[in-house]
Amino acid sequence: MISVKLGDVAVEAKLSNKGDKSGCKIVGLEHLTPMEVTLSEWSDDTNNTFTKEFSKGDVLFGRRRAYLKKAAVAPFDGICSGDITVIRAIENRIDPDLLPFIIQNDFLFEYAVGKSAGSLSPRVKWEHLKKFEFYLPDMKE
């Protein structure tokens, strides 16, 4: 096992869709269920200001009020709120199926809460999350 930082094995996906959102599945913070690894709720209502794109397999991390422990794997492509950080596994650095379980753990959430800024609606930035350290087995393991 080696010690790695989240930013060594994953990136923040920053694509945006400022055009037509027809037919897109929409995810807001209200659709992320605390402590649930798989996203099971979304909306088809495109009447919103969301522009952040995500892809199937990305981890959607609720960056606002991280103490609520909201993070889930996207089972489809879509668009989400700006209060969600889209985290994508780096190919050949980590098994994409393992990443959600690394993110969905108390240690990362405690770290995120400690790095959050703001009093009424604290938010954590990717710049801080990517520095979270954990032990990772060799890819073969």
N, C-alpha and C. Protein backbone atom coordinates (compact mmCIF):
# COMPACT_ATOMS: atom_id res chain seq x y z
N MET A 1 0.84 -1.18 0.00
CA MET A 1 0.00 0.00 0.00
C MET A 1 0.88 1.24 0.00
N ILE A 2 0.40 2.24 -0.72
CA ILE A 2 1.13 3.50 -0.76
C ILE A 2 0.19 4.64 -0.37
N SER A 3 0.76 5.69 0.16
CA SER A 3 -0.01 6.88 0.50
C SER A 3 -0.13 7.76 -0.74
N VAL A 4 -1.35 8.13 -1.08
CA VAL A 4 -1.60 8.99 -2.23
C VAL A 4 -2.55 10.11 -1.82
N LYS A 5 -2.59 11.12 -2.64
CA LYS A 5 -3.57 12.19 -2.46
C LYS A 5 -4.69 11.98 -3.46
N LEU A 6 -5.88 12.42 -3.10
CA LEU A 6 -7.02 12.26 -3.99
C LEU A 6 -6.72 12.84 -5.37
N GLY A 7 -6.02 13.96 -5.42
CA GLY A 7 -5.67 14.58 -6.70
C GLY A 7 -4.67 13.79 -7.52
N ASP A 8 -4.02 12.77 -6.91
CA ASP A 8 -3.11 11.89 -7.66
C ASP A 8 -3.88 10.86 -8.48
N VAL A 9 -5.12 10.57 -8.06
CA VAL A 9 -5.88 9.49 -8.71
C VAL A 9 -7.21 9.96 -9.31
N ALA A 10 -7.56 11.23 -9.08
CA ALA A 10 -8.83 11.75 -9.59
C ALA A 10 -8.68 13.23 -9.93
N VAL A 11 -9.57 13.70 -10.79
CA VAL A 11 -9.59 15.10 -11.19
C VAL A 11 -11.00 15.66 -11.03
N GLU A 12 -11.06 16.97 -10.96
CA GLU A 12 -12.36 17.64 -10.98
C GLU A 12 -12.73 17.84 -12.44
N ALA A 13 -13.86 17.31 -12.86
CA ALA A 13 -14.35 17.51 -14.23
C ALA A 13 -15.02 18.87 -14.29
N LYS A 14 -14.63 19.69 -15.27
CA LYS A 14 -15.11 21.07 -15.30
C LYS A 14 -15.85 21.45 -16.58
N LEU A 15 -16.39 20.48 -17.29
CA LEU A 15 -17.12 20.80 -18.51
C LEU A 15 -18.46 21.45 -18.15
N SER A 16 -18.90 22.34 -19.04
CA SER A 16 -20.19 22.97 -18.79
C SER A 16 -21.04 22.98 -20.05
N ASN A 17 -22.34 23.02 -19.83
CA ASN A 17 -23.32 23.06 -20.91
C ASN A 17 -24.14 24.33 -20.72
N LYS A 18 -23.89 25.31 -21.55
CA LYS A 18 -24.64 26.56 -21.45
C LYS A 18 -25.66 26.67 -22.58
N GLY A 19 -25.85 25.57 -23.28
CA GLY A 19 -26.80 25.55 -24.39
C GLY A 19 -28.09 24.84 -24.00
N ASP A 20 -28.64 24.13 -24.95
CA ASP A 20 -29.90 23.42 -24.78
C ASP A 20 -29.73 22.23 -23.83
N LYS A 21 -30.56 22.17 -22.80
CA LYS A 21 -30.50 21.08 -21.83
C LYS A 21 -31.64 20.08 -22.01
N SER A 22 -32.35 20.19 -23.12
CA SER A 22 -33.47 19.29 -23.37
C SER A 22 -33.04 17.84 -23.27
N GLY A 23 -33.81 17.05 -22.56
CA GLY A 23 -33.53 15.63 -22.44
C GLY A 23 -32.45 15.28 -21.43
N CYS A 24 -31.84 16.28 -20.81
CA CYS A 24 -30.79 16.02 -19.82
C CYS A 24 -31.39 15.69 -18.46
N LYS A 25 -30.73 14.81 -17.76
CA LYS A 25 -31.11 14.54 -16.38
C LYS A 25 -30.37 15.55 -15.51
N ILE A 26 -31.09 16.11 -14.56
CA ILE A 26 -30.59 17.21 -13.73
C ILE A 26 -30.44 16.73 -12.29
N VAL A 27 -29.30 17.06 -11.68
CA VAL A 27 -29.04 16.67 -10.30
C VAL A 27 -28.70 17.90 -9.48
N GLY A 28 -29.45 18.10 -8.42
CA GLY A 28 -29.18 19.15 -7.45
C GLY A 28 -28.78 18.51 -6.13
N LEU A 29 -28.38 19.32 -5.18
CA LEU A 29 -28.00 18.77 -3.86
C LEU A 29 -29.13 17.96 -3.24
N GLU A 30 -30.37 18.36 -3.51
CA GLU A 30 -31.52 17.66 -2.93
C GLU A 30 -31.64 16.22 -3.44
N HIS A 31 -30.97 15.90 -4.52
CA HIS A 31 -31.03 14.55 -5.08
C HIS A 31 -29.95 13.62 -4.53
N LEU A 32 -28.99 14.18 -3.82
CA LEU A 32 -27.93 13.37 -3.20
C LEU A 32 -28.39 12.97 -1.80
N THR A 33 -28.50 11.67 -1.59
CA THR A 33 -28.95 11.16 -0.30
C THR A 33 -27.74 10.89 0.58
N PRO A 34 -27.74 11.46 1.80
CA PRO A 34 -26.58 11.23 2.69
C PRO A 34 -26.27 9.74 2.86
N MET A 35 -24.98 9.43 2.75
CA MET A 35 -24.45 8.09 2.97
C MET A 35 -24.86 7.06 1.91
N GLU A 36 -25.48 7.48 0.82
CA GLU A 36 -25.84 6.56 -0.27
C GLU A 36 -24.80 6.68 -1.38
N VAL A 37 -24.22 5.57 -1.79
CA VAL A 37 -23.14 5.58 -2.78
C VAL A 37 -23.66 5.73 -4.21
N THR A 38 -24.87 5.29 -4.48
CA THR A 38 -25.42 5.37 -5.83
C THR A 38 -26.53 6.40 -5.90
N LEU A 39 -26.47 7.24 -6.91
CA LEU A 39 -27.49 8.25 -7.14
C LEU A 39 -28.79 7.57 -7.54
N SER A 40 -29.87 7.88 -6.85
CA SER A 40 -31.14 7.23 -7.18
C SER A 40 -32.25 8.23 -7.47
N GLU A 41 -31.94 9.53 -7.35
CA GLU A 41 -32.95 10.56 -7.64
C GLU A 41 -32.36 11.61 -8.57
N TRP A 42 -33.21 12.23 -9.36
CA TRP A 42 -32.82 13.30 -10.27
C TRP A 42 -34.08 13.96 -10.77
N SER A 43 -33.93 14.96 -11.60
CA SER A 43 -35.06 15.68 -12.16
C SER A 43 -34.90 15.76 -13.67
N ASP A 44 -36.01 15.93 -14.35
CA ASP A 44 -35.99 16.16 -15.79
C ASP A 44 -36.32 17.62 -16.10
N ASP A 45 -36.54 18.42 -15.05
CA ASP A 45 -36.88 19.83 -15.21
C ASP A 45 -35.63 20.64 -15.54
N THR A 46 -35.52 21.09 -16.77
CA THR A 46 -34.33 21.82 -17.21
C THR A 46 -34.47 23.33 -16.98
N ASN A 47 -35.50 23.75 -16.29
CA ASN A 47 -35.72 25.16 -16.00
C ASN A 47 -34.92 25.55 -14.75
N ASN A 48 -33.59 25.67 -14.92
CA ASN A 48 -32.70 26.02 -13.81
C ASN A 48 -31.45 26.65 -14.40
N THR A 49 -30.55 27.03 -13.53
CA THR A 49 -29.31 27.69 -13.98
C THR A 49 -28.12 26.73 -13.96
N PHE A 50 -28.34 25.45 -13.75
CA PHE A 50 -27.24 24.48 -13.67
C PHE A 50 -26.56 24.35 -15.03
N THR A 51 -25.23 24.26 -15.02
CA THR A 51 -24.49 24.11 -16.28
C THR A 51 -23.38 23.07 -16.20
N LYS A 52 -23.08 22.56 -15.02
CA LYS A 52 -21.95 21.66 -14.84
C LYS A 52 -22.29 20.25 -15.35
N GLU A 53 -21.52 19.77 -16.33
CA GLU A 53 -21.77 18.44 -16.90
C GLU A 53 -21.06 17.36 -16.10
N PHE A 54 -21.67 16.19 -16.07
CA PHE A 54 -21.03 15.02 -15.50
C PHE A 54 -21.30 13.83 -16.40
N SER A 55 -20.47 12.80 -16.25
CA SER A 55 -20.60 11.59 -17.06
C SER A 55 -20.90 10.39 -16.17
N LYS A 56 -21.45 9.38 -16.78
CA LYS A 56 -21.71 8.13 -16.08
C LYS A 56 -20.41 7.65 -15.42
N GLY A 57 -20.49 7.30 -14.14
CA GLY A 57 -19.32 6.83 -13.41
C GLY A 57 -18.62 7.90 -12.59
N ASP A 58 -18.90 9.18 -12.88
CA ASP A 58 -18.32 10.26 -12.08
C ASP A 58 -18.92 10.22 -10.67
N VAL A 59 -18.17 10.74 -9.71
CA VAL A 59 -18.68 10.87 -8.35
C VAL A 59 -19.12 12.31 -8.15
N LEU A 60 -20.37 12.49 -7.73
CA LEU A 60 -20.92 13.81 -7.47
C LEU A 60 -20.81 14.07 -5.97
N PHE A 61 -20.01 15.05 -5.60
CA PHE A 61 -19.71 15.35 -4.20
C PHE A 61 -20.38 16.67 -3.81
N GLY A 62 -21.27 16.61 -2.85
CA GLY A 62 -21.94 17.82 -2.37
C GLY A 62 -20.97 18.69 -1.59
N ARG A 63 -20.45 19.73 -2.24
CA ARG A 63 -19.41 20.56 -1.61
C ARG A 63 -19.97 21.56 -0.62
N ARG A 64 -21.26 21.81 -0.66
CA ARG A 64 -21.90 22.70 0.31
C ARG A 64 -22.39 21.86 1.49
N ARG A 65 -22.03 22.31 2.69
CA ARG A 65 -22.40 21.60 3.92
C ARG A 65 -21.95 20.13 3.87
N ALA A 66 -20.64 19.94 3.74
CA ALA A 66 -20.06 18.60 3.62
C ALA A 66 -20.41 17.70 4.80
N TYR A 67 -20.76 18.28 5.93
CA TYR A 67 -21.15 17.46 7.10
C TYR A 67 -22.41 16.65 6.83
N LEU A 68 -23.14 16.96 5.76
CA LEU A 68 -24.33 16.18 5.40
C LEU A 68 -23.96 14.86 4.70
N LYS A 69 -22.68 14.71 4.34
CA LYS A 69 -22.15 13.47 3.76
C LYS A 69 -22.90 13.05 2.49
N LYS A 70 -22.93 13.97 1.54
CA LYS A 70 -23.62 13.71 0.27
C LYS A 70 -22.60 13.50 -0.84
N ALA A 71 -22.53 12.29 -1.35
CA ALA A 71 -21.68 11.95 -2.48
C ALA A 71 -22.24 10.68 -3.10
N ALA A 72 -22.30 10.63 -4.42
CA ALA A 72 -22.87 9.46 -5.09
C ALA A 72 -22.29 9.30 -6.49
N VAL A 73 -22.31 8.07 -6.96
CA VAL A 73 -21.88 7.75 -8.32
C VAL A 73 -23.03 8.04 -9.28
N ALA A 74 -22.72 8.70 -10.38
CA ALA A 74 -23.71 8.99 -11.40
C ALA A 74 -23.91 7.77 -12.29
N PRO A 75 -25.12 7.23 -12.39
CA PRO A 75 -25.38 6.09 -13.27
C PRO A 75 -25.71 6.49 -14.70
N PHE A 76 -25.59 7.78 -15.01
CA PHE A 76 -25.92 8.32 -16.33
C PHE A 76 -25.19 9.65 -16.52
N ASP A 77 -25.20 10.17 -17.73
CA ASP A 77 -24.66 11.51 -18.02
C ASP A 77 -25.73 12.53 -17.67
N GLY A 78 -25.30 13.74 -17.28
CA GLY A 78 -26.28 14.78 -16.97
C GLY A 78 -25.63 16.10 -16.63
N ILE A 79 -26.42 16.95 -15.99
CA ILE A 79 -26.00 18.29 -15.58
C ILE A 79 -26.34 18.45 -14.11
N CYS A 80 -25.43 19.12 -13.37
CA CYS A 80 -25.66 19.27 -11.94
C CYS A 80 -25.41 20.70 -11.47
N SER A 81 -25.77 20.90 -10.24
CA SER A 81 -25.61 22.17 -9.54
C SER A 81 -24.14 22.54 -9.38
N GLY A 82 -23.87 23.83 -9.30
CA GLY A 82 -22.53 24.32 -9.03
C GLY A 82 -22.07 23.99 -7.62
N ASP A 83 -22.99 23.60 -6.76
CA ASP A 83 -22.64 23.20 -5.39
C ASP A 83 -22.26 21.73 -5.31
N ILE A 84 -22.09 21.11 -6.46
CA ILE A 84 -21.63 19.73 -6.54
C ILE A 84 -20.29 19.72 -7.27
N THR A 85 -19.31 19.06 -6.68
CA THR A 85 -18.02 18.87 -7.34
C THR A 85 -18.07 17.54 -8.08
N VAL A 86 -17.74 17.57 -9.36
CA VAL A 86 -17.74 16.36 -10.18
C VAL A 86 -16.32 15.79 -10.14
N ILE A 87 -16.18 14.60 -9.57
CA ILE A 87 -14.87 13.97 -9.41
C ILE A 87 -14.79 12.75 -10.33
N ARG A 88 -13.72 12.71 -11.14
CA ARG A 88 -13.55 11.65 -12.13
C ARG A 88 -12.24 10.92 -11.88
N ALA A 89 -12.29 9.59 -11.88
CA ALA A 89 -11.10 8.76 -11.70
C ALA A 89 -10.14 8.95 -12.87
N ILE A 90 -8.85 8.99 -12.57
CA ILE A 90 -7.83 9.05 -13.62
C ILE A 90 -7.55 7.62 -14.06
N GLU A 91 -7.69 7.38 -15.35
CA GLU A 91 -7.49 6.05 -15.91
C GLU A 91 -6.11 5.50 -15.55
N ASN A 92 -6.07 4.27 -15.17
CA ASN A 92 -4.84 3.53 -14.79
C ASN A 92 -4.21 4.02 -13.49
N ARG A 93 -4.87 4.90 -12.75
CA ARG A 93 -4.35 5.35 -11.46
C ARG A 93 -5.16 4.76 -10.31
N ILE A 94 -6.46 4.51 -10.59
CA ILE A 94 -7.36 3.94 -9.59
C ILE A 94 -8.49 3.23 -10.30
N ASP A 95 -8.99 2.18 -9.72
CA ASP A 95 -10.15 1.50 -10.26
C ASP A 95 -11.35 2.43 -10.06
N PRO A 96 -12.04 2.82 -11.14
CA PRO A 96 -13.18 3.74 -11.00
C PRO A 96 -14.26 3.21 -10.05
N ASP A 97 -14.36 1.89 -9.90
CA ASP A 97 -15.35 1.31 -9.00
C ASP A 97 -14.96 1.48 -7.53
N LEU A 98 -13.69 1.73 -7.25
CA LEU A 98 -13.21 1.93 -5.89
C LEU A 98 -13.35 3.39 -5.44
N LEU A 99 -13.21 4.32 -6.37
CA LEU A 99 -13.22 5.74 -6.04
C LEU A 99 -14.42 6.18 -5.20
N PRO A 100 -15.65 5.76 -5.53
CA PRO A 100 -16.79 6.21 -4.72
C PRO A 100 -16.68 5.82 -3.24
N PHE A 101 -16.07 4.69 -2.98
CA PHE A 101 -15.96 4.22 -1.60
C PHE A 101 -14.86 4.96 -0.84
N ILE A 102 -13.87 5.45 -1.57
CA ILE A 102 -12.85 6.29 -0.94
C ILE A 102 -13.45 7.64 -0.59
N ILE A 103 -14.26 8.16 -1.50
CA ILE A 103 -14.89 9.46 -1.26
C ILE A 103 -16.00 9.36 -0.22
N GLN A 104 -16.77 8.30 -0.26
CA GLN A 104 -17.91 8.14 0.64
C GLN A 104 -17.44 7.48 1.95
N ASN A 105 -16.56 8.17 2.68
CA ASN A 105 -16.14 7.64 3.98
C ASN A 105 -16.00 8.78 4.97
N ASP A 106 -16.10 8.46 6.24
CA ASP A 106 -16.09 9.48 7.28
C ASP A 106 -14.80 10.29 7.30
N PHE A 107 -13.66 9.67 7.00
CA PHE A 107 -12.40 10.40 7.04
C PHE A 107 -12.38 11.54 6.01
N LEU A 108 -12.85 11.27 4.80
CA LEU A 108 -12.86 12.32 3.78
C LEU A 108 -13.87 13.40 4.16
N PHE A 109 -15.04 13.00 4.64
CA PHE A 109 -16.03 14.00 5.02
C PHE A 109 -15.54 14.87 6.17
N GLU A 110 -14.88 14.27 7.15
CA GLU A 110 -14.31 15.06 8.26
C GLU A 110 -13.26 16.03 7.74
N TYR A 111 -12.43 15.57 6.83
CA TYR A 111 -11.42 16.41 6.20
C TYR A 111 -12.11 17.58 5.48
N ALA A 112 -13.14 17.27 4.69
CA ALA A 112 -13.86 18.28 3.92
C ALA A 112 -14.50 19.32 4.84
N VAL A 113 -15.08 18.89 5.92
CA VAL A 113 -15.70 19.83 6.87
C VAL A 113 -14.63 20.75 7.45
N GLY A 114 -13.47 20.19 7.78
CA GLY A 114 -12.38 20.98 8.32
C GLY A 114 -11.82 22.01 7.35
N LYS A 115 -11.96 21.76 6.06
CA LYS A 115 -11.45 22.67 5.03
C LYS A 115 -12.53 23.60 4.47
N SER A 116 -13.77 23.43 4.92
CA SER A 116 -14.87 24.25 4.42
C SER A 116 -14.77 25.68 4.93
N ALA A 117 -15.23 26.61 4.09
CA ALA A 117 -15.22 28.03 4.47
C ALA A 117 -16.63 28.60 4.28
N GLY A 118 -16.98 29.52 5.17
CA GLY A 118 -18.30 30.16 5.14
C GLY A 118 -19.06 29.80 6.39
N SER A 119 -19.89 30.71 6.86
CA SER A 119 -20.58 30.47 8.12
C SER A 119 -21.98 29.88 7.94
N LEU A 120 -22.80 30.47 7.10
CA LEU A 120 -24.16 29.97 6.93
C LEU A 120 -24.26 28.79 5.98
N SER A 121 -23.42 28.78 4.98
CA SER A 121 -23.46 27.72 3.98
C SER A 121 -22.02 27.35 3.59
N PRO A 122 -21.30 26.70 4.51
CA PRO A 122 -19.88 26.40 4.24
C PRO A 122 -19.70 25.48 3.03
N ARG A 123 -18.65 25.80 2.25
CA ARG A 123 -18.34 25.01 1.05
C ARG A 123 -16.87 24.63 1.07
N VAL A 124 -16.58 23.47 0.51
CA VAL A 124 -15.20 23.03 0.37
C VAL A 124 -14.84 23.06 -1.11
N LYS A 125 -13.62 23.44 -1.40
CA LYS A 125 -13.17 23.53 -2.78
C LYS A 125 -12.36 22.29 -3.16
N TRP A 126 -12.34 21.99 -4.45
CA TRP A 126 -11.53 20.88 -4.96
C TRP A 126 -10.06 21.09 -4.60
N GLU A 127 -9.61 22.32 -4.59
CA GLU A 127 -8.22 22.62 -4.25
C GLU A 127 -7.83 22.03 -2.89
N HIS A 128 -8.80 21.93 -2.00
CA HIS A 128 -8.55 21.32 -0.69
C HIS A 128 -8.78 19.81 -0.74
N LEU A 129 -9.87 19.40 -1.38
CA LEU A 129 -10.20 17.96 -1.45
C LEU A 129 -9.09 17.16 -2.09
N LYS A 130 -8.47 17.70 -3.12
CA LYS A 130 -7.44 16.95 -3.85
C LYS A 130 -6.22 16.66 -2.99
N LYS A 131 -6.08 17.32 -1.86
CA LYS A 131 -4.95 17.11 -0.96
C LYS A 131 -5.24 16.05 0.12
N PHE A 132 -6.46 15.50 0.11
CA PHE A 132 -6.82 14.45 1.07
C PHE A 132 -5.94 13.22 0.82
N GLU A 133 -5.27 12.74 1.87
CA GLU A 133 -4.36 11.58 1.74
C GLU A 133 -5.00 10.31 2.27
N PHE A 134 -4.72 9.22 1.58
CA PHE A 134 -5.21 7.90 1.99
C PHE A 134 -4.28 6.83 1.44
N TYR A 135 -4.44 5.63 1.94
CA TYR A 135 -3.63 4.50 1.47
C TYR A 135 -4.38 3.77 0.37
N LEU A 136 -3.64 3.43 -0.67
CA LEU A 136 -4.22 2.77 -1.83
C LEU A 136 -3.40 1.53 -2.15
N PRO A 137 -4.08 0.39 -2.29
CA PRO A 137 -3.33 -0.82 -2.69
C PRO A 137 -2.87 -0.70 -4.14
N ASP A 138 -1.89 -1.50 -4.49
CA ASP A 138 -1.41 -1.57 -5.86
C ASP A 138 -2.59 -1.93 -6.78
N MET A 139 -2.60 -1.42 -8.01
CA MET A 139 -3.70 -1.68 -8.95
C MET A 139 -3.97 -3.18 -9.12
N LYS A 140 -2.94 -3.99 -9.08
CA LYS A 140 -3.12 -5.44 -9.25
C LYS A 140 -3.90 -6.05 -8.08
N GLU A 141 -3.72 -5.46 -6.89
CA GLU A 141 -4.42 -5.96 -5.72
C GLU A 141 -5.89 -5.61 -5.79
